[in-house]
Structures are given as structure tokens and as C-alpha cells.
């Protein structure tokens, strides 16, 4: 009698194994979907870009605002830089250049308060609080290093930098707009080079509030 039940028992075990395998597969798919969703949520909440490790635009602007206030309070200059990438031919991806450049520039920002930001798809920004006359040399050094790394790539690298003096009108919006205007001017006249501007005492009002 037991032998006569064997086929049914084997069929039952086979169905049970198949059902259990299907359940585990669906459970794994659900777990992977949840993991993907969780990673996306974490990436959205994270202040840094997952590809470059640089601050996202909003956190970077927030940090810029904080440092602008500190510059006014402590009466120290502040330098803001932007590196702009542009493909010369329809080859390659800007994201590759941006990621590699972010890794290079992060190593050069060693002081407390220095920040690297992913402010746009084809550009990176650097925030350098309490800077001095060496800011222009640093900008030139960064640009030269990037050009050496991408010497064989069809990409144009333009770097603009501006050193702001502490004043009542120094804030994130003012600094960002002035740097963007400097970038547009550079792209029209000196694309692929370093364009540096430093505010002088005559450029701003000495009247400010703490």
C-alpha cells in the first residue's frame, strides 16, 4: 500500500518544493524592490551626490550662505570657484569627467570649511572660506591639473573664481549670481581657461551688520 502511495507522495513533495521555491523567489523580488526603494530614499535624503561625493546643489548653497555670514562676521574674504565641462565632440559622457574631477578636487580641499558641490550636471563648485591672495594660484593649479589628467580627452575645462570681500550684500545668492555671470563671460571670450576676479575695497561698502 505504501508503494502505491509513493507517486502521490512524490507529486505532493514536488508541488510543495515548487510552491516554496516560487514563494522564496517572490519574497526575494519584493526584498530587492524594497532595497532599491530604500536606497533611492536614502540617496534623496543624503546631502551628497552618490556619484561624485560632492554636496548637492541645495546643501551646497546652504553651506555657502553659512560661510558668507561667517565671512562678514569675522571680516574675512571668501572665494567661490566653478569648474565647467563641455564636450568638444559628441563622444563620451560628461558624468565621467565630473566624477573623476570630483575625486581630484576633493583631495585638494583639505582645510576645515572647504566644500565641493555638484551644482549642475556639467560643473562642480568649490567653496573656500577665509582665503587670501593665494586663491588665484590655487585656481590655476586646479585647472592645470585637470587639463593634464584629461589631456587626451575631447573636453573643454573652464574654471572661474571670485574672491568676495565681507560686506552687507554678501550672501549665497549674490555670490552665485556673480560667479555665474563671470562664467558666462568666460565662456564667450576665454573658454577653456581660468578667469579670476577679486573684489577690491572699492567694490563694496564697508558698512555691514554683525
N, C-alpha and C. Protein backbone atom coordinates (compact mmCIF):
# COMPACT_ATOMS: atom_id res chain seq x y z
N UNK A 1 0.82 -1.21 0.00
CA UNK A 1 0.00 0.00 0.00
C UNK A 1 0.86 1.26 0.00
N UNK A 2 1.95 1.16 0.77
CA UNK A 2 2.86 2.32 0.84
C UNK A 2 3.45 2.62 -0.53
N UNK A 3 3.78 1.53 -1.26
CA UNK A 3 4.35 1.73 -2.58
C UNK A 3 3.34 2.36 -3.53
N UNK A 4 2.08 2.05 -3.34
CA UNK A 4 1.06 2.64 -4.21
C UNK A 4 0.86 4.13 -3.92
N UNK A 5 1.21 4.54 -2.71
CA UNK A 5 1.07 5.96 -2.34
C UNK A 5 2.32 6.78 -2.70
N UNK A 6 3.40 6.10 -3.02
CA UNK A 6 4.65 6.80 -3.31
C UNK A 6 4.52 7.82 -4.43
N UNK A 7 3.89 7.49 -5.56
CA UNK A 7 3.77 8.50 -6.63
C UNK A 7 3.04 9.76 -6.16
N UNK A 8 1.98 9.56 -5.35
CA UNK A 8 1.23 10.72 -4.86
C UNK A 8 2.07 11.54 -3.87
N UNK A 9 2.83 10.82 -3.05
CA UNK A 9 3.68 11.50 -2.08
C UNK A 9 4.78 12.29 -2.79
N UNK A 10 5.37 11.69 -3.81
CA UNK A 10 6.41 12.39 -4.56
C UNK A 10 5.84 13.60 -5.29
N UNK A 11 4.62 13.42 -5.84
CA UNK A 11 3.98 14.55 -6.53
C UNK A 11 3.69 15.68 -5.54
N UNK A 12 3.24 15.29 -4.33
CA UNK A 12 2.96 16.30 -3.30
C UNK A 12 4.22 17.04 -2.90
N UNK A 13 5.30 16.28 -2.70
CA UNK A 13 6.57 16.91 -2.31
C UNK A 13 7.11 17.80 -3.43
N UNK A 14 6.89 17.36 -4.67
CA UNK A 14 7.34 18.16 -5.81
C UNK A 14 6.57 19.48 -5.88
N UNK A 15 5.25 19.39 -5.69
CA UNK A 15 4.43 20.61 -5.70
C UNK A 15 4.80 21.52 -4.53
N UNK A 16 5.06 20.88 -3.38
CA UNK A 16 5.44 21.66 -2.20
C UNK A 16 6.76 22.38 -2.43
N UNK A 17 7.72 21.68 -3.03
CA UNK A 17 9.02 22.28 -3.32
C UNK A 17 8.88 23.42 -4.33
N UNK A 18 8.05 23.17 -5.35
CA UNK A 18 7.84 24.21 -6.36
C UNK A 18 7.17 25.44 -5.75
N UNK A 19 6.15 25.20 -4.92
CA UNK A 19 5.46 26.31 -4.27
C UNK A 19 6.37 27.08 -3.34
N UNK A 20 7.19 26.35 -2.58
CA UNK A 20 8.12 27.01 -1.67
C UNK A 20 9.16 27.81 -2.44
N UNK A 21 9.65 27.23 -3.54
CA UNK A 21 10.62 27.95 -4.37
C UNK A 21 10.03 29.21 -4.97
N UNK A 22 8.77 29.11 -5.44
CA UNK A 22 8.10 30.27 -6.01
C UNK A 22 7.89 31.35 -4.95
N UNK A 23 7.52 30.92 -3.74
CA UNK A 23 7.32 31.87 -2.64
C UNK A 23 8.62 32.59 -2.29
N UNK A 24 9.71 31.82 -2.22
CA UNK A 24 11.01 32.42 -1.90
C UNK A 24 11.46 33.36 -3.00
N UNK A 25 11.17 33.01 -4.26
CA UNK A 25 11.54 33.88 -5.38
C UNK A 25 10.78 35.20 -5.31
N UNK A 26 9.47 35.12 -5.04
CA UNK A 26 8.67 36.34 -4.91
C UNK A 26 9.13 37.17 -3.71
N UNK A 27 9.49 36.47 -2.63
CA UNK A 27 9.97 37.17 -1.45
C UNK A 27 11.28 37.90 -1.75
N UNK A 28 12.15 37.25 -2.52
CA UNK A 28 13.42 37.87 -2.90
C UNK A 28 13.18 39.08 -3.80
N UNK A 29 12.24 38.95 -4.75
CA UNK A 29 11.92 40.06 -5.64
C UNK A 29 11.38 41.25 -4.85
N UNK A 30 10.51 40.95 -3.87
CA UNK A 30 9.95 42.01 -3.04
C UNK A 30 11.04 42.69 -2.22
N UNK A 31 11.96 41.88 -1.70
CA UNK A 31 13.06 42.44 -0.90
C UNK A 31 13.96 43.32 -1.76
N UNK A 32 14.26 42.88 -2.99
CA UNK A 32 15.10 43.68 -3.88
C UNK A 32 14.41 44.99 -4.25
N UNK A 33 13.09 44.93 -4.48
CA UNK A 33 12.34 46.14 -4.80
C UNK A 33 12.36 47.10 -3.62
N UNK A 34 12.19 46.55 -2.41
CA UNK A 34 12.22 47.40 -1.22
C UNK A 34 13.61 47.99 -1.01
N UNK A 35 14.63 47.17 -1.25
CA UNK A 35 16.01 47.66 -1.09
C UNK A 35 16.30 48.78 -2.08
N UNK A 36 15.83 48.61 -3.33
CA UNK A 36 16.03 49.65 -4.34
C UNK A 36 15.32 50.94 -3.93
N UNK A 37 14.09 50.79 -3.43
CA UNK A 37 13.33 51.97 -2.97
C UNK A 37 14.04 52.65 -1.80
N UNK A 38 14.54 51.85 -0.85
CA UNK A 38 15.22 52.40 0.32
C UNK A 38 16.49 53.13 -0.08
N UNK A 39 17.24 52.56 -1.03
CA UNK A 39 18.47 53.20 -1.49
C UNK A 39 18.16 54.53 -2.17
N UNK A 40 17.06 54.58 -2.94
CA UNK A 40 16.67 55.83 -3.58
C UNK A 40 16.27 56.88 -2.56
N UNK A 41 15.54 56.44 -1.52
CA UNK A 41 15.13 57.37 -0.47
C UNK A 41 16.34 57.91 0.28
N UNK A 42 17.29 57.03 0.58
CA UNK A 42 18.50 57.45 1.28
C UNK A 42 19.30 58.42 0.42
N UNK A 43 19.37 58.12 -0.90
CA UNK A 43 20.11 58.99 -1.81
C UNK A 43 19.48 60.37 -1.89
N UNK A 44 18.13 60.41 -1.85
CA UNK A 44 17.44 61.70 -1.91
C UNK A 44 17.65 62.50 -0.63
N UNK A 45 17.69 61.79 0.50
CA UNK A 45 17.87 62.47 1.78
C UNK A 45 19.32 62.85 2.04
N UNK A 46 20.24 62.16 1.39
CA UNK A 46 21.65 62.43 1.61
C UNK A 46 22.03 63.79 1.04
N UNK A 47 22.84 64.57 1.75
CA UNK A 47 23.26 65.88 1.23
C UNK A 47 24.30 65.78 0.13
N UNK A 48 24.88 64.59 -0.06
CA UNK A 48 25.93 64.43 -1.07
C UNK A 48 25.44 63.63 -2.26
N UNK A 49 26.03 63.91 -3.41
CA UNK A 49 25.72 63.18 -4.63
C UNK A 49 26.37 61.80 -4.58
N UNK A 50 25.62 60.77 -4.93
CA UNK A 50 26.13 59.41 -4.82
C UNK A 50 27.25 59.12 -5.81
N UNK A 51 27.28 59.82 -6.94
CA UNK A 51 28.28 59.56 -7.97
C UNK A 51 29.60 60.28 -7.69
N UNK A 52 29.51 61.52 -7.25
CA UNK A 52 30.72 62.34 -7.08
C UNK A 52 31.15 62.50 -5.63
N UNK A 53 30.24 62.28 -4.69
CA UNK A 53 30.56 62.51 -3.29
C UNK A 53 30.54 63.98 -2.92
N UNK A 54 30.20 64.85 -3.87
CA UNK A 54 30.13 66.29 -3.62
C UNK A 54 28.75 66.65 -3.06
N UNK A 55 28.69 67.78 -2.39
CA UNK A 55 27.40 68.26 -1.89
C UNK A 55 26.45 68.53 -3.04
N UNK A 56 25.19 68.21 -2.84
CA UNK A 56 24.18 68.55 -3.83
C UNK A 56 23.97 70.07 -3.83
N UNK A 57 23.23 70.54 -4.82
CA UNK A 57 23.09 71.99 -5.02
C UNK A 57 22.52 72.70 -3.79
N UNK A 58 21.41 72.20 -3.25
CA UNK A 58 20.78 72.88 -2.12
C UNK A 58 21.65 72.88 -0.86
N UNK A 59 22.21 71.73 -0.46
CA UNK A 59 23.11 71.75 0.70
C UNK A 59 24.34 72.63 0.48
N UNK A 60 24.83 72.66 -0.76
CA UNK A 60 25.99 73.50 -1.05
C UNK A 60 25.64 74.98 -0.90
N UNK A 61 24.48 75.37 -1.41
CA UNK A 61 24.05 76.77 -1.29
C UNK A 61 23.81 77.13 0.18
N UNK A 62 23.30 76.17 0.94
CA UNK A 62 23.10 76.42 2.38
C UNK A 62 24.45 76.65 3.06
N UNK A 63 25.43 75.82 2.72
CA UNK A 63 26.75 75.98 3.31
C UNK A 63 27.40 77.29 2.86
N UNK A 64 27.14 77.67 1.61
CA UNK A 64 27.66 78.94 1.11
C UNK A 64 27.07 80.10 1.89
N UNK A 65 25.78 80.03 2.18
CA UNK A 65 25.14 81.09 2.96
C UNK A 65 25.74 81.17 4.36
N UNK A 66 25.99 80.02 4.97
CA UNK A 66 26.60 79.99 6.30
C UNK A 66 27.98 80.64 6.28
N UNK A 67 28.77 80.30 5.27
CA UNK A 67 30.13 80.84 5.19
C UNK A 67 30.13 82.33 4.82
N UNK A 68 29.13 82.76 4.06
CA UNK A 68 29.03 84.19 3.75
C UNK A 68 28.78 84.99 5.04
N UNK A 69 27.91 84.48 5.88
CA UNK A 69 27.64 85.16 7.15
C UNK A 69 28.87 85.15 8.04
N UNK A 70 29.58 84.03 8.03
CA UNK A 70 30.80 83.94 8.83
C UNK A 70 31.86 84.92 8.31
N UNK A 71 31.95 85.04 6.99
CA UNK A 71 32.93 85.95 6.40
C UNK A 71 32.66 87.39 6.83
N UNK A 72 31.38 87.77 6.84
CA UNK A 72 31.02 89.13 7.27
C UNK A 72 31.28 89.31 8.75
N UNK A 73 30.92 88.30 9.53
CA UNK A 73 31.08 88.40 10.98
C UNK A 73 32.55 88.49 11.38
N UNK A 74 33.39 87.70 10.73
CA UNK A 74 34.80 87.66 11.08
C UNK A 74 35.66 88.54 10.18
N UNK A 75 35.01 89.24 9.25
CA UNK A 75 35.68 90.15 8.32
C UNK A 75 36.82 89.45 7.59
N UNK A 76 36.46 88.33 6.95
CA UNK A 76 37.42 87.54 6.19
C UNK A 76 36.90 87.34 4.77
N UNK A 77 37.78 87.37 3.77
CA UNK A 77 37.34 87.14 2.39
C UNK A 77 36.93 85.69 2.17
N UNK A 78 36.20 85.47 1.11
CA UNK A 78 35.69 84.14 0.77
C UNK A 78 35.82 83.95 -0.73
N UNK A 79 36.26 82.78 -1.15
CA UNK A 79 36.42 82.51 -2.58
C UNK A 79 35.47 81.41 -3.03
N UNK A 80 34.85 81.64 -4.16
CA UNK A 80 33.93 80.67 -4.76
C UNK A 80 34.44 80.37 -6.17
N UNK A 81 34.54 79.08 -6.49
CA UNK A 81 35.04 78.66 -7.80
C UNK A 81 34.03 77.74 -8.48
N UNK A 82 34.07 77.73 -9.78
CA UNK A 82 33.24 76.80 -10.55
C UNK A 82 34.05 76.24 -11.71
N UNK A 83 33.99 74.93 -11.86
CA UNK A 83 34.64 74.24 -12.97
C UNK A 83 33.56 73.79 -13.93
N UNK A 84 33.65 74.24 -15.17
CA UNK A 84 32.64 73.94 -16.19
C UNK A 84 33.23 73.02 -17.25
N UNK A 85 32.52 71.92 -17.54
CA UNK A 85 32.98 70.96 -18.55
C UNK A 85 32.08 71.04 -19.78
N UNK A 86 32.70 70.96 -20.94
CA UNK A 86 31.94 70.97 -22.19
C UNK A 86 32.62 70.04 -23.19
N UNK A 87 31.84 69.10 -23.72
CA UNK A 87 32.38 68.17 -24.70
C UNK A 87 32.63 68.88 -26.02
N UNK A 88 33.80 68.66 -26.61
CA UNK A 88 34.12 69.28 -27.89
C UNK A 88 33.56 68.48 -29.05
N UNK A 89 33.34 67.20 -28.83
CA UNK A 89 32.75 66.33 -29.85
C UNK A 89 31.67 65.49 -29.19
N UNK A 90 30.81 64.93 -30.00
CA UNK A 90 29.73 64.09 -29.46
C UNK A 90 30.28 62.71 -29.09
N UNK A 91 31.18 62.71 -28.14
CA UNK A 91 31.78 61.45 -27.70
C UNK A 91 32.02 61.52 -26.20
N UNK A 92 31.77 60.42 -25.53
CA UNK A 92 31.97 60.39 -24.10
C UNK A 92 30.78 60.94 -23.34
N UNK A 93 30.86 60.89 -22.03
CA UNK A 93 29.80 61.39 -21.17
C UNK A 93 30.39 62.38 -20.17
N UNK A 94 29.69 63.48 -19.97
CA UNK A 94 30.17 64.48 -19.03
C UNK A 94 30.23 63.94 -17.61
N UNK A 95 29.34 63.00 -17.29
CA UNK A 95 29.31 62.46 -15.94
C UNK A 95 30.63 61.79 -15.58
N UNK A 96 31.29 61.19 -16.57
CA UNK A 96 32.57 60.53 -16.32
C UNK A 96 33.63 61.56 -15.93
N UNK A 97 33.68 62.67 -16.67
CA UNK A 97 34.65 63.72 -16.36
C UNK A 97 34.33 64.36 -15.00
N UNK A 98 33.05 64.53 -14.73
CA UNK A 98 32.64 65.14 -13.47
C UNK A 98 33.05 64.27 -12.28
N UNK A 99 32.82 62.97 -12.39
CA UNK A 99 33.16 62.07 -11.29
C UNK A 99 34.66 62.04 -11.05
N UNK A 100 35.44 61.93 -12.11
CA UNK A 100 36.90 61.89 -11.95
C UNK A 100 37.43 63.21 -11.42
N UNK A 101 36.87 64.31 -11.90
CA UNK A 101 37.31 65.63 -11.43
C UNK A 101 36.96 65.83 -9.96
N UNK A 102 35.80 65.34 -9.55
CA UNK A 102 35.40 65.47 -8.15
C UNK A 102 36.39 64.75 -7.24
N UNK A 103 36.83 63.58 -7.66
CA UNK A 103 37.81 62.83 -6.86
C UNK A 103 39.13 63.59 -6.76
N UNK A 104 39.53 64.24 -7.85
CA UNK A 104 40.78 65.01 -7.85
C UNK A 104 40.66 66.24 -6.97
N UNK A 105 39.56 66.97 -7.13
CA UNK A 105 39.40 68.23 -6.40
C UNK A 105 39.18 68.01 -4.90
N UNK A 106 38.52 66.91 -4.54
CA UNK A 106 38.31 66.63 -3.12
C UNK A 106 39.64 66.49 -2.38
N UNK A 107 40.63 65.95 -3.05
CA UNK A 107 41.94 65.78 -2.42
C UNK A 107 42.65 67.11 -2.20
N UNK A 108 42.23 68.13 -2.92
CA UNK A 108 42.88 69.44 -2.80
C UNK A 108 42.20 70.32 -1.75
N UNK A 109 41.00 69.93 -1.33
CA UNK A 109 40.27 70.72 -0.34
C UNK A 109 40.48 70.09 1.03
N UNK A 110 41.51 70.54 1.71
CA UNK A 110 41.90 69.90 2.97
C UNK A 110 41.57 70.74 4.20
N UNK A 111 41.24 72.02 4.02
CA UNK A 111 41.01 72.88 5.18
C UNK A 111 39.59 72.71 5.71
N UNK A 112 39.39 72.93 7.00
CA UNK A 112 38.03 72.92 7.55
C UNK A 112 37.17 73.99 6.88
N UNK A 113 35.99 73.62 6.46
CA UNK A 113 35.10 74.58 5.81
C UNK A 113 35.14 74.52 4.30
N UNK A 114 36.22 74.00 3.72
CA UNK A 114 36.28 73.85 2.27
C UNK A 114 35.22 72.85 1.82
N UNK A 115 34.50 73.19 0.76
CA UNK A 115 33.43 72.32 0.30
C UNK A 115 33.47 72.17 -1.21
N UNK A 116 33.08 70.98 -1.67
CA UNK A 116 32.93 70.70 -3.09
C UNK A 116 31.47 70.44 -3.36
N UNK A 117 30.92 71.08 -4.39
CA UNK A 117 29.50 70.94 -4.68
C UNK A 117 29.22 70.51 -6.11
N UNK A 118 28.20 69.67 -6.27
CA UNK A 118 27.71 69.29 -7.60
C UNK A 118 26.53 70.20 -7.90
N UNK A 119 26.84 71.40 -8.40
CA UNK A 119 25.80 72.42 -8.56
C UNK A 119 25.05 72.30 -9.87
N UNK A 120 25.62 71.59 -10.84
CA UNK A 120 24.96 71.38 -12.12
C UNK A 120 25.52 70.13 -12.76
N UNK A 121 24.84 69.65 -13.81
CA UNK A 121 25.24 68.38 -14.42
C UNK A 121 26.64 68.44 -15.02
N UNK A 122 27.02 69.59 -15.56
CA UNK A 122 28.32 69.70 -16.23
C UNK A 122 29.28 70.62 -15.48
N UNK A 123 29.14 70.67 -14.17
CA UNK A 123 30.04 71.54 -13.43
C UNK A 123 30.12 71.22 -11.95
N UNK A 124 31.24 71.61 -11.36
CA UNK A 124 31.48 71.47 -9.93
C UNK A 124 31.82 72.84 -9.36
N UNK A 125 31.48 73.04 -8.11
CA UNK A 125 31.79 74.30 -7.44
C UNK A 125 32.64 74.02 -6.21
N UNK A 126 33.50 74.98 -5.88
CA UNK A 126 34.34 74.87 -4.69
C UNK A 126 34.16 76.12 -3.83
N UNK A 127 33.94 75.88 -2.57
CA UNK A 127 33.77 76.95 -1.59
C UNK A 127 35.00 76.98 -0.70
N UNK A 128 35.68 78.13 -0.67
CA UNK A 128 36.92 78.26 0.09
C UNK A 128 36.81 79.44 1.05
N UNK A 129 36.42 79.20 2.29
CA UNK A 129 36.32 80.29 3.26
C UNK A 129 37.69 80.80 3.68
N UNK A 130 37.71 82.03 4.17
CA UNK A 130 38.93 82.63 4.74
C UNK A 130 40.13 82.47 3.82
N UNK A 131 39.95 82.87 2.56
CA UNK A 131 41.04 82.75 1.60
C UNK A 131 41.91 84.00 1.59
N UNK A 132 43.05 83.88 0.90
CA UNK A 132 43.98 85.01 0.82
C UNK A 132 44.41 85.21 -0.63
N UNK A 133 45.52 85.86 -0.82
CA UNK A 133 45.99 86.17 -2.17
C UNK A 133 46.39 84.94 -2.96
N UNK A 134 46.49 83.78 -2.30
CA UNK A 134 46.88 82.56 -2.99
C UNK A 134 45.71 81.90 -3.72
N UNK A 135 44.53 82.46 -3.62
CA UNK A 135 43.35 81.84 -4.24
C UNK A 135 43.50 81.73 -5.75
N UNK A 136 44.05 82.75 -6.38
CA UNK A 136 44.22 82.71 -7.83
C UNK A 136 45.21 81.62 -8.23
N UNK A 137 46.29 81.48 -7.48
CA UNK A 137 47.27 80.43 -7.76
C UNK A 137 46.65 79.05 -7.58
N UNK A 138 45.80 78.92 -6.57
CA UNK A 138 45.13 77.64 -6.33
C UNK A 138 44.19 77.31 -7.49
N UNK A 139 43.47 78.31 -7.98
CA UNK A 139 42.57 78.10 -9.11
C UNK A 139 43.35 77.65 -10.34
N UNK A 140 44.47 78.30 -10.59
CA UNK A 140 45.30 77.94 -11.73
C UNK A 140 45.86 76.53 -11.58
N UNK A 141 46.25 76.18 -10.36
CA UNK A 141 46.78 74.84 -10.09
C UNK A 141 45.73 73.77 -10.36
N UNK A 142 44.51 73.99 -9.89
CA UNK A 142 43.43 73.02 -10.11
C UNK A 142 43.14 72.85 -11.59
N UNK A 143 43.09 73.96 -12.31
CA UNK A 143 42.80 73.92 -13.75
C UNK A 143 43.90 73.18 -14.50
N UNK A 144 45.14 73.47 -14.17
CA UNK A 144 46.27 72.82 -14.83
C UNK A 144 46.26 71.31 -14.58
N UNK A 145 45.98 70.93 -13.35
CA UNK A 145 45.94 69.50 -13.01
C UNK A 145 44.85 68.79 -13.79
N UNK A 146 43.67 69.37 -13.86
CA UNK A 146 42.56 68.75 -14.59
C UNK A 146 42.88 68.64 -16.08
N UNK A 147 43.49 69.66 -16.64
CA UNK A 147 43.84 69.63 -18.07
C UNK A 147 44.88 68.54 -18.34
N UNK A 148 45.79 68.34 -17.41
CA UNK A 148 46.80 67.29 -17.58
C UNK A 148 46.15 65.91 -17.53
N UNK A 149 45.21 65.73 -16.62
CA UNK A 149 44.54 64.44 -16.49
C UNK A 149 43.72 64.12 -17.74
N UNK A 150 43.04 65.14 -18.28
CA UNK A 150 42.17 64.93 -19.44
C UNK A 150 42.81 65.45 -20.73
N UNK A 151 44.12 65.38 -20.81
CA UNK A 151 44.83 65.90 -21.97
C UNK A 151 44.41 65.21 -23.26
N UNK A 152 44.08 63.94 -23.18
CA UNK A 152 43.72 63.18 -24.38
C UNK A 152 42.22 63.06 -24.58
N UNK A 153 41.46 63.78 -23.78
CA UNK A 153 40.00 63.71 -23.88
C UNK A 153 39.47 64.94 -24.61
N UNK A 154 38.36 64.76 -25.29
CA UNK A 154 37.74 65.86 -26.04
C UNK A 154 36.80 66.63 -25.13
N UNK A 155 37.38 67.26 -24.13
CA UNK A 155 36.57 68.03 -23.19
C UNK A 155 37.26 69.37 -22.93
N UNK A 156 36.45 70.40 -22.88
CA UNK A 156 36.96 71.75 -22.59
C UNK A 156 36.65 72.09 -21.14
N UNK A 157 37.66 72.52 -20.41
CA UNK A 157 37.52 72.80 -18.98
C UNK A 157 37.73 74.29 -18.74
N UNK A 158 36.70 74.94 -18.28
CA UNK A 158 36.78 76.36 -17.95
C UNK A 158 36.60 76.52 -16.45
N UNK A 159 37.49 77.27 -15.83
CA UNK A 159 37.41 77.49 -14.39
C UNK A 159 37.28 78.99 -14.11
N UNK A 160 36.26 79.34 -13.36
CA UNK A 160 36.09 80.73 -12.94
C UNK A 160 36.12 80.78 -11.42
N UNK A 161 36.67 81.85 -10.90
CA UNK A 161 36.78 82.00 -9.45
C UNK A 161 36.64 83.47 -9.09
N UNK A 162 36.07 83.70 -7.93
CA UNK A 162 35.90 85.07 -7.46
C UNK A 162 36.13 85.10 -5.95
N UNK A 163 36.96 86.02 -5.52
CA UNK A 163 37.17 86.24 -4.09
C UNK A 163 36.31 87.42 -3.66
N UNK A 164 35.41 87.16 -2.73
CA UNK A 164 34.48 88.17 -2.26
C UNK A 164 34.97 88.76 -0.94
N UNK A 165 34.84 90.07 -0.82
CA UNK A 165 35.18 90.74 0.42
C UNK A 165 33.94 90.79 1.32
N UNK A 166 34.13 90.80 2.64
CA UNK A 166 32.98 90.84 3.55
C UNK A 166 32.23 92.16 3.42
N UNK A 167 30.94 92.08 3.17
CA UNK A 167 30.13 93.28 3.02
C UNK A 167 28.69 92.95 3.35
N UNK A 168 27.87 93.97 3.46
CA UNK A 168 26.47 93.77 3.82
C UNK A 168 25.70 92.99 2.76
N UNK A 169 26.11 93.08 1.50
CA UNK A 169 25.38 92.40 0.42
C UNK A 169 25.95 91.02 0.10
N UNK A 170 26.92 90.55 0.88
CA UNK A 170 27.49 89.23 0.62
C UNK A 170 26.57 88.14 1.16
N UNK A 171 26.00 87.37 0.27
CA UNK A 171 25.19 86.22 0.63
C UNK A 171 25.28 85.19 -0.50
N UNK A 172 24.62 84.06 -0.32
CA UNK A 172 24.73 82.96 -1.28
C UNK A 172 24.20 83.35 -2.66
N UNK A 173 23.10 84.09 -2.69
CA UNK A 173 22.51 84.48 -3.97
C UNK A 173 23.43 85.44 -4.71
N UNK A 174 23.93 86.44 -4.00
CA UNK A 174 24.82 87.43 -4.62
C UNK A 174 26.08 86.75 -5.17
N UNK A 175 26.70 85.88 -4.36
CA UNK A 175 27.93 85.22 -4.78
C UNK A 175 27.68 84.29 -5.97
N UNK A 176 26.58 83.54 -5.92
CA UNK A 176 26.27 82.60 -7.00
C UNK A 176 26.00 83.33 -8.31
N UNK A 177 25.23 84.41 -8.24
CA UNK A 177 24.90 85.15 -9.45
C UNK A 177 26.13 85.81 -10.06
N UNK A 178 26.99 86.35 -9.21
CA UNK A 178 28.20 87.00 -9.73
C UNK A 178 29.14 85.97 -10.36
N UNK A 179 29.25 84.80 -9.75
CA UNK A 179 30.11 83.76 -10.32
C UNK A 179 29.54 83.24 -11.63
N UNK A 180 28.22 83.11 -11.71
CA UNK A 180 27.59 82.65 -12.94
C UNK A 180 27.80 83.66 -14.07
N UNK A 181 27.70 84.95 -13.75
CA UNK A 181 27.96 85.99 -14.75
C UNK A 181 29.41 85.93 -15.22
N UNK A 182 30.30 85.65 -14.29
CA UNK A 182 31.72 85.52 -14.63
C UNK A 182 31.93 84.32 -15.55
N UNK A 183 31.21 83.23 -15.29
CA UNK A 183 31.32 82.03 -16.12
C UNK A 183 30.83 82.30 -17.53
N UNK A 184 29.69 82.94 -17.66
CA UNK A 184 29.14 83.23 -18.99
C UNK A 184 30.08 84.13 -19.78
N UNK A 185 30.68 85.09 -19.10
CA UNK A 185 31.65 85.97 -19.76
C UNK A 185 32.87 85.18 -20.22
N UNK A 186 33.32 84.26 -19.37
CA UNK A 186 34.50 83.45 -19.72
C UNK A 186 34.20 82.52 -20.89
N UNK A 187 33.01 81.93 -20.92
CA UNK A 187 32.66 81.01 -22.00
C UNK A 187 32.58 81.72 -23.34
N UNK A 188 32.27 82.99 -23.33
CA UNK A 188 32.17 83.75 -24.57
C UNK A 188 33.52 84.28 -25.05
N UNK A 189 34.41 84.55 -24.11
CA UNK A 189 35.67 85.19 -24.50
C UNK A 189 36.91 84.35 -24.23
N UNK A 190 36.90 83.57 -23.14
CA UNK A 190 38.10 82.82 -22.76
C UNK A 190 37.75 81.41 -22.32
N UNK A 191 36.98 80.72 -23.13
CA UNK A 191 36.59 79.35 -22.79
C UNK A 191 37.82 78.45 -22.74
N UNK A 192 37.83 77.55 -21.77
CA UNK A 192 38.94 76.63 -21.63
C UNK A 192 40.09 77.17 -20.81
N UNK A 193 39.92 78.36 -20.23
CA UNK A 193 40.98 78.97 -19.44
C UNK A 193 40.48 79.27 -18.02
N UNK A 194 41.35 79.90 -17.24
CA UNK A 194 41.00 80.34 -15.89
C UNK A 194 40.62 81.81 -15.93
N UNK A 195 39.50 82.13 -15.35
CA UNK A 195 39.06 83.52 -15.27
C UNK A 195 38.87 83.84 -13.79
N UNK A 196 39.71 84.72 -13.26
CA UNK A 196 39.69 85.02 -11.82
C UNK A 196 39.38 86.49 -11.59
N UNK A 197 38.56 86.74 -10.59
CA UNK A 197 38.25 88.11 -10.20
C UNK A 197 38.29 88.22 -8.68
N UNK A 198 38.91 89.26 -8.20
CA UNK A 198 38.96 89.51 -6.75
C UNK A 198 38.39 90.89 -6.48
N UNK A 199 37.41 90.94 -5.61
CA UNK A 199 36.85 92.23 -5.24
C UNK A 199 37.88 93.06 -4.49
N UNK A 200 37.88 94.34 -4.77
CA UNK A 200 38.73 95.27 -4.06
C UNK A 200 37.89 96.03 -3.04
N UNK A 201 38.55 96.78 -2.19
CA UNK A 201 37.82 97.55 -1.18
C UNK A 201 36.83 98.50 -1.82
N UNK A 202 37.18 99.03 -2.98
CA UNK A 202 36.29 99.98 -3.65
C UNK A 202 35.06 99.30 -4.22
N UNK A 203 35.08 97.96 -4.31
CA UNK A 203 33.95 97.24 -4.91
C UNK A 203 32.79 97.06 -3.97
N UNK A 204 32.98 97.31 -2.68
CA UNK A 204 31.90 97.04 -1.74
C UNK A 204 31.88 98.09 -0.64
N UNK A 205 30.78 98.10 0.09
CA UNK A 205 30.62 99.04 1.18
C UNK A 205 31.19 98.46 2.46
N UNK A 206 31.88 99.29 3.22
CA UNK A 206 32.43 98.83 4.49
C UNK A 206 31.38 98.77 5.58
N UNK A 207 30.19 99.24 5.29
CA UNK A 207 29.12 99.22 6.28
C UNK A 207 28.44 97.86 6.25
N UNK A 208 28.48 97.16 7.35
CA UNK A 208 27.83 95.86 7.44
C UNK A 208 27.39 95.65 8.87
N UNK A 209 26.51 94.70 9.04
CA UNK A 209 25.98 94.41 10.37
C UNK A 209 26.41 93.03 10.81
N UNK A 210 26.63 92.88 12.09
CA UNK A 210 27.01 91.58 12.64
C UNK A 210 25.77 90.75 12.91
